[in-house]
């Protein structure tokens, strides 16, 4: 994929169109999934026993945890059991942000392996270099990658 095409799509801030295929790395990497109060279709499908108040967010925001193996409890037989109504967090998650920014996901070997598979045709060296230069040196990996992508670069 061409880097500039991916970046323009990312900048559009619409739902990510990640070609995941059969990959479930993000679903099996011990991640908490935020669900906002306006996600009523999702909330109707996630059992209340699996939802916990989201730390630092207003009442009504919840997180969906993971099981003993780090899997999302909505992952059943290797597929999302609520895919058509999955949380917004899942709809917008794009592990390619790590490949573009050069940030390594920590403690998530499945995601790191998937990220190494992504290849971009660098068709706009100035934008590529600007994104890479904007990566903060500290902070959680996903936050660092997303901050780099939200930094002015044109």
C-alpha atoms as a PDB file:
ATOM      1  CA  UNK A   1       0.000   0.000   0.000  1.00  0.00           C
ATOM      2  CA  UNK A   2       1.159   3.515  -0.711  1.00  0.00           C
ATOM      3  CA  UNK A   3       2.003   5.417   2.445  1.00  0.00           C
ATOM      4  CA  UNK A   4       0.295   8.643   1.311  1.00  0.00           C
ATOM      5  CA  UNK A   5      -2.958   6.815   0.512  1.00  0.00           C
ATOM      6  CA  UNK A   6      -2.989   5.185   3.937  1.00  0.00           C
ATOM      7  CA  UNK A   7      -2.181   8.492   5.655  1.00  0.00           C
ATOM      8  CA  UNK A   8      -4.914  10.369   3.769  1.00  0.00           C
ATOM      9  CA  UNK A   9      -7.420   7.683   4.756  1.00  0.00           C
ATOM     10  CA  UNK A  10      -6.186   7.808   8.353  1.00  0.00           C
ATOM     11  CA  UNK A  11      -6.484  11.612   8.371  1.00  0.00           C
ATOM     12  CA  UNK A  12     -10.100  11.326   7.198  1.00  0.00           C
ATOM     13  CA  UNK A  13     -10.827   9.919  10.687  1.00  0.00           C
ATOM     14  CA  UNK A  14     -13.479   7.555   9.410  1.00  0.00           C
ATOM     15  CA  UNK A  15     -13.691   3.924  10.407  1.00  0.00           C
ATOM     16  CA  UNK A  16     -10.468   2.100   9.692  1.00  0.00           C
ATOM     17  CA  UNK A  17     -10.575  -0.254   6.738  1.00  0.00           C
ATOM     18  CA  UNK A  18      -7.860  -2.565   7.940  1.00  0.00           C
ATOM     19  CA  UNK A  19      -7.409  -5.692   5.843  1.00  0.00           C
ATOM     20  CA  UNK A  20      -7.215  -7.923   8.907  1.00  0.00           C
ATOM     21  CA  UNK A  21      -8.256 -11.109   7.162  1.00  0.00           C
ATOM     22  CA  UNK A  22      -8.133 -13.884   9.751  1.00  0.00           C
ATOM     23  CA  UNK A  23      -5.811 -11.929  12.073  1.00  0.00           C
ATOM     24  CA  UNK A  24      -7.058 -11.629  15.658  1.00  0.00           C
ATOM     25  CA  UNK A  25      -3.847 -10.270  17.193  1.00  0.00           C
ATOM     26  CA  UNK A  26      -5.555  -7.242  18.740  1.00  0.00           C
ATOM     27  CA  UNK A  27      -8.311  -9.509  20.113  1.00  0.00           C
ATOM     28  CA  UNK A  28      -5.791 -11.782  21.839  1.00  0.00           C
ATOM     29  CA  UNK A  29      -3.306  -9.253  23.246  1.00  0.00           C
ATOM     30  CA  UNK A  30      -4.678  -8.462  26.712  1.00  0.00           C
ATOM     31  CA  UNK A  31      -6.195  -5.138  25.710  1.00  0.00           C
ATOM     32  CA  UNK A  32      -9.000  -3.345  27.483  1.00  0.00           C
ATOM     33  CA  UNK A  33     -11.621  -2.109  25.021  1.00  0.00           C
ATOM     34  CA  UNK A  34     -13.377   1.193  25.717  1.00  0.00           C
ATOM     35  CA  UNK A  35     -17.124   1.340  25.076  1.00  0.00           C
ATOM     36  CA  UNK A  36     -18.799   4.767  25.194  1.00  0.00           C
ATOM     37  CA  UNK A  37     -22.345   5.261  26.498  1.00  0.00           C
ATOM     38  CA  UNK A  38     -23.646   6.135  23.015  1.00  0.00           C
ATOM     39  CA  UNK A  39     -22.693   2.670  21.717  1.00  0.00           C
ATOM     40  CA  UNK A  40     -26.066   1.222  22.628  1.00  0.00           C
ATOM     41  CA  UNK A  41     -26.015  -1.623  20.073  1.00  0.00           C
ATOM     42  CA  UNK A  42     -22.664  -2.784  21.428  1.00  0.00           C
ATOM     43  CA  UNK A  43     -23.702  -2.426  25.051  1.00  0.00           C
ATOM     44  CA  UNK A  44     -26.821  -4.494  24.369  1.00  0.00           C
ATOM     45  CA  UNK A  45     -24.598  -7.370  23.203  1.00  0.00           C
ATOM     46  CA  UNK A  46     -21.870  -7.275  25.859  1.00  0.00           C
ATOM     47  CA  UNK A  47     -23.012  -8.886  29.109  1.00  0.00           C
ATOM     48  CA  UNK A  48     -23.017  -6.469  32.058  1.00  0.00           C
ATOM     49  CA  UNK A  49     -20.752  -8.840  33.998  1.00  0.00           C
ATOM     50  CA  UNK A  50     -17.999  -8.212  31.419  1.00  0.00           C
ATOM     51  CA  UNK A  51     -18.166  -4.405  31.603  1.00  0.00           C
ATOM     52  CA  UNK A  52     -16.270  -2.311  34.129  1.00  0.00           C
ATOM     53  CA  UNK A  53     -16.265   1.457  34.760  1.00  0.00           C
ATOM     54  CA  UNK A  54     -13.616   3.114  32.590  1.00  0.00           C
ATOM     55  CA  UNK A  55     -10.989   4.739  34.826  1.00  0.00           C
ATOM     56  CA  UNK A  56     -10.753   8.503  34.434  1.00  0.00           C
ATOM     57  CA  UNK A  57     -13.831   8.810  32.218  1.00  0.00           C
ATOM     58  CA  UNK A  58     -17.334  10.018  33.056  1.00  0.00           C
ATOM     59  CA  UNK A  59     -19.982   7.641  34.332  1.00  0.00           C
ATOM     60  CA  UNK A  60     -21.403   5.408  31.602  1.00  0.00           C
ATOM     61  CA  UNK A  61     -18.048   4.818  29.909  1.00  0.00           C
ATOM     62  CA  UNK A  62     -16.961   1.224  30.389  1.00  0.00           C
ATOM     63  CA  UNK A  63     -14.173  -1.124  29.408  1.00  0.00           C
ATOM     64  CA  UNK A  64     -14.400  -4.699  28.288  1.00  0.00           C
ATOM     65  CA  UNK A  65     -11.637  -6.790  29.809  1.00  0.00           C
ATOM     66  CA  UNK A  66     -10.011 -10.014  28.647  1.00  0.00           C
ATOM     67  CA  UNK A  67      -9.814 -13.601  29.863  1.00  0.00           C
ATOM     68  CA  UNK A  68      -6.910 -15.458  31.504  1.00  0.00           C
ATOM     69  CA  UNK A  69      -5.264 -15.990  28.109  1.00  0.00           C
ATOM     70  CA  UNK A  70      -5.544 -12.310  27.137  1.00  0.00           C
ATOM     71  CA  UNK A  71      -8.435 -12.893  24.726  1.00  0.00           C
ATOM     72  CA  UNK A  72     -11.450 -10.663  24.343  1.00  0.00           C
ATOM     73  CA  UNK A  73     -14.424 -12.543  25.787  1.00  0.00           C
ATOM     74  CA  UNK A  74     -16.405 -11.698  22.659  1.00  0.00           C
ATOM     75  CA  UNK A  75     -13.934 -13.712  20.555  1.00  0.00           C
ATOM     76  CA  UNK A  76     -15.655 -17.060  20.046  1.00  0.00           C
ATOM     77  CA  UNK A  77     -14.207 -19.845  17.917  1.00  0.00           C
ATOM     78  CA  UNK A  78     -11.601 -17.457  16.517  1.00  0.00           C
ATOM     79  CA  UNK A  79     -14.079 -14.781  15.407  1.00  0.00           C
ATOM     80  CA  UNK A  80     -15.803 -11.775  16.931  1.00  0.00           C
ATOM     81  CA  UNK A  81     -19.227 -12.854  18.113  1.00  0.00           C
ATOM     82  CA  UNK A  82     -20.527  -9.268  17.899  1.00  0.00           C
ATOM     83  CA  UNK A  83     -18.616  -8.173  14.798  1.00  0.00           C
ATOM     84  CA  UNK A  84     -21.459  -6.159  13.220  1.00  0.00           C
ATOM     85  CA  UNK A  85     -21.926  -4.368  16.546  1.00  0.00           C
ATOM     86  CA  UNK A  86     -18.327  -4.345  17.813  1.00  0.00           C
ATOM     87  CA  UNK A  87     -17.135  -1.382  19.890  1.00  0.00           C
ATOM     88  CA  UNK A  88     -15.971   1.797  18.158  1.00  0.00           C
ATOM     89  CA  UNK A  89     -12.512   1.145  19.596  1.00  0.00           C
ATOM     90  CA  UNK A  90     -12.361  -2.077  17.590  1.00  0.00           C
ATOM     91  CA  UNK A  91     -13.781  -0.436  14.473  1.00  0.00           C
ATOM     92  CA  UNK A  92     -11.097   2.245  14.488  1.00  0.00           C
ATOM     93  CA  UNK A  93      -8.075   0.258  15.695  1.00  0.00           C
ATOM     94  CA  UNK A  94      -5.398   0.123  13.016  1.00  0.00           C
ATOM     95  CA  UNK A  95      -2.168  -1.644  13.966  1.00  0.00           C
ATOM     96  CA  UNK A  96      -0.541  -0.112  10.892  1.00  0.00           C
ATOM     97  CA  UNK A  97       0.056   3.027  12.983  1.00  0.00           C
ATOM     98  CA  UNK A  98       2.958   1.138  14.554  1.00  0.00           C
ATOM     99  CA  UNK A  99       4.462   0.233  11.180  1.00  0.00           C
ATOM    100  CA  UNK A 100       4.198   3.814   9.933  1.00  0.00           C
ATOM    101  CA  UNK A 101       5.606   5.458  13.053  1.00  0.00           C
ATOM    102  CA  UNK A 102       8.245   2.844  13.867  1.00  0.00           C
ATOM    103  CA  UNK A 103       6.840   2.445  17.383  1.00  0.00           C
ATOM    104  CA  UNK A 104       7.087  -1.098  18.758  1.00  0.00           C
ATOM    105  CA  UNK A 105       3.993  -2.400  20.569  1.00  0.00           C
ATOM    106  CA  UNK A 106       5.280  -3.510  23.979  1.00  0.00           C
ATOM    107  CA  UNK A 107       4.226  -6.779  25.565  1.00  0.00           C
ATOM    108  CA  UNK A 108       2.026  -7.661  22.593  1.00  0.00           C
ATOM    109  CA  UNK A 109       4.021 -10.124  20.490  1.00  0.00           C
ATOM    110  CA  UNK A 110       1.073 -11.047  18.247  1.00  0.00           C
ATOM    111  CA  UNK A 111       0.502  -7.429  17.286  1.00  0.00           C
ATOM    112  CA  UNK A 112       4.246  -6.843  16.862  1.00  0.00           C
ATOM    113  CA  UNK A 113       4.446  -9.823  14.496  1.00  0.00           C
ATOM    114  CA  UNK A 114       1.516  -8.505  12.436  1.00  0.00           C
ATOM    115  CA  UNK A 115       3.054  -5.036  12.319  1.00  0.00           C
ATOM    116  CA  UNK A 116       6.269  -6.461  10.875  1.00  0.00           C
ATOM    117  CA  UNK A 117       4.191  -7.863   7.997  1.00  0.00           C
ATOM    118  CA  UNK A 118       2.861  -4.446   6.931  1.00  0.00           C
ATOM    119  CA  UNK A 119       4.816  -2.930   4.081  1.00  0.00           C
ATOM    120  CA  UNK A 120       4.351   0.579   2.743  1.00  0.00           C
ATOM    121  CA  UNK A 121       5.528   2.110  -0.482  1.00  0.00           C
ATOM    122  CA  UNK A 122       7.009   5.382   0.719  1.00  0.00           C
ATOM    123  CA  UNK A 123       5.747   7.680  -2.007  1.00  0.00           C
ATOM    124  CA  UNK A 124       6.007  10.919  -0.010  1.00  0.00           C
ATOM    125  CA  UNK A 125       9.334  11.000   1.819  1.00  0.00           C
ATOM    126  CA  UNK A 126       8.694  14.415   3.402  1.00  0.00           C
ATOM    127  CA  UNK A 127       5.456  13.297   5.065  1.00  0.00           C
ATOM    128  CA  UNK A 128       7.005   9.954   6.078  1.00  0.00           C
ATOM    129  CA  UNK A 129       9.970  11.712   7.699  1.00  0.00           C
ATOM    130  CA  UNK A 130       7.668  14.246   9.400  1.00  0.00           C
ATOM    131  CA  UNK A 131       5.565  11.483  10.958  1.00  0.00           C
ATOM    132  CA  UNK A 132       8.649   9.608  12.143  1.00  0.00           C
ATOM    133  CA  UNK A 133      10.156  12.818  13.590  1.00  0.00           C
ATOM    134  CA  UNK A 134       6.940  13.602  15.504  1.00  0.00           C
ATOM    135  CA  UNK A 135       6.987  10.392  17.580  1.00  0.00           C
ATOM    136  CA  UNK A 136       7.266  11.323  21.267  1.00  0.00           C
ATOM    137  CA  UNK A 137      10.062   9.571  23.140  1.00  0.00           C
ATOM    138  CA  UNK A 138       7.925   8.594  26.123  1.00  0.00           C
ATOM    139  CA  UNK A 139       4.452   7.279  26.803  1.00  0.00           C
ATOM    140  CA  UNK A 140       2.444   4.176  25.989  1.00  0.00           C
ATOM    141  CA  UNK A 141       3.217   2.869  22.481  1.00  0.00           C
ATOM    142  CA  UNK A 142      -0.246   3.373  20.959  1.00  0.00           C
ATOM    143  CA  UNK A 143      -0.470   6.888  22.403  1.00  0.00           C
ATOM    144  CA  UNK A 144       3.000   7.738  21.032  1.00  0.00           C
ATOM    145  CA  UNK A 145       2.058   6.478  17.559  1.00  0.00           C
ATOM    146  CA  UNK A 146      -1.264   8.302  17.477  1.00  0.00           C
ATOM    147  CA  UNK A 147       0.265  11.549  18.744  1.00  0.00           C
ATOM    148  CA  UNK A 148       2.838  11.420  15.955  1.00  0.00           C
ATOM    149  CA  UNK A 149       0.083  10.984  13.404  1.00  0.00           C
ATOM    150  CA  UNK A 150      -1.939  13.877  14.819  1.00  0.00           C
ATOM    151  CA  UNK A 151       1.022  16.276  14.772  1.00  0.00           C
ATOM    152  CA  UNK A 152       1.027  18.938  12.037  1.00  0.00           C
ATOM    153  CA  UNK A 153       3.178  17.688   9.143  1.00  0.00           C
ATOM    154  CA  UNK A 154       2.258  19.536   5.963  1.00  0.00           C
END
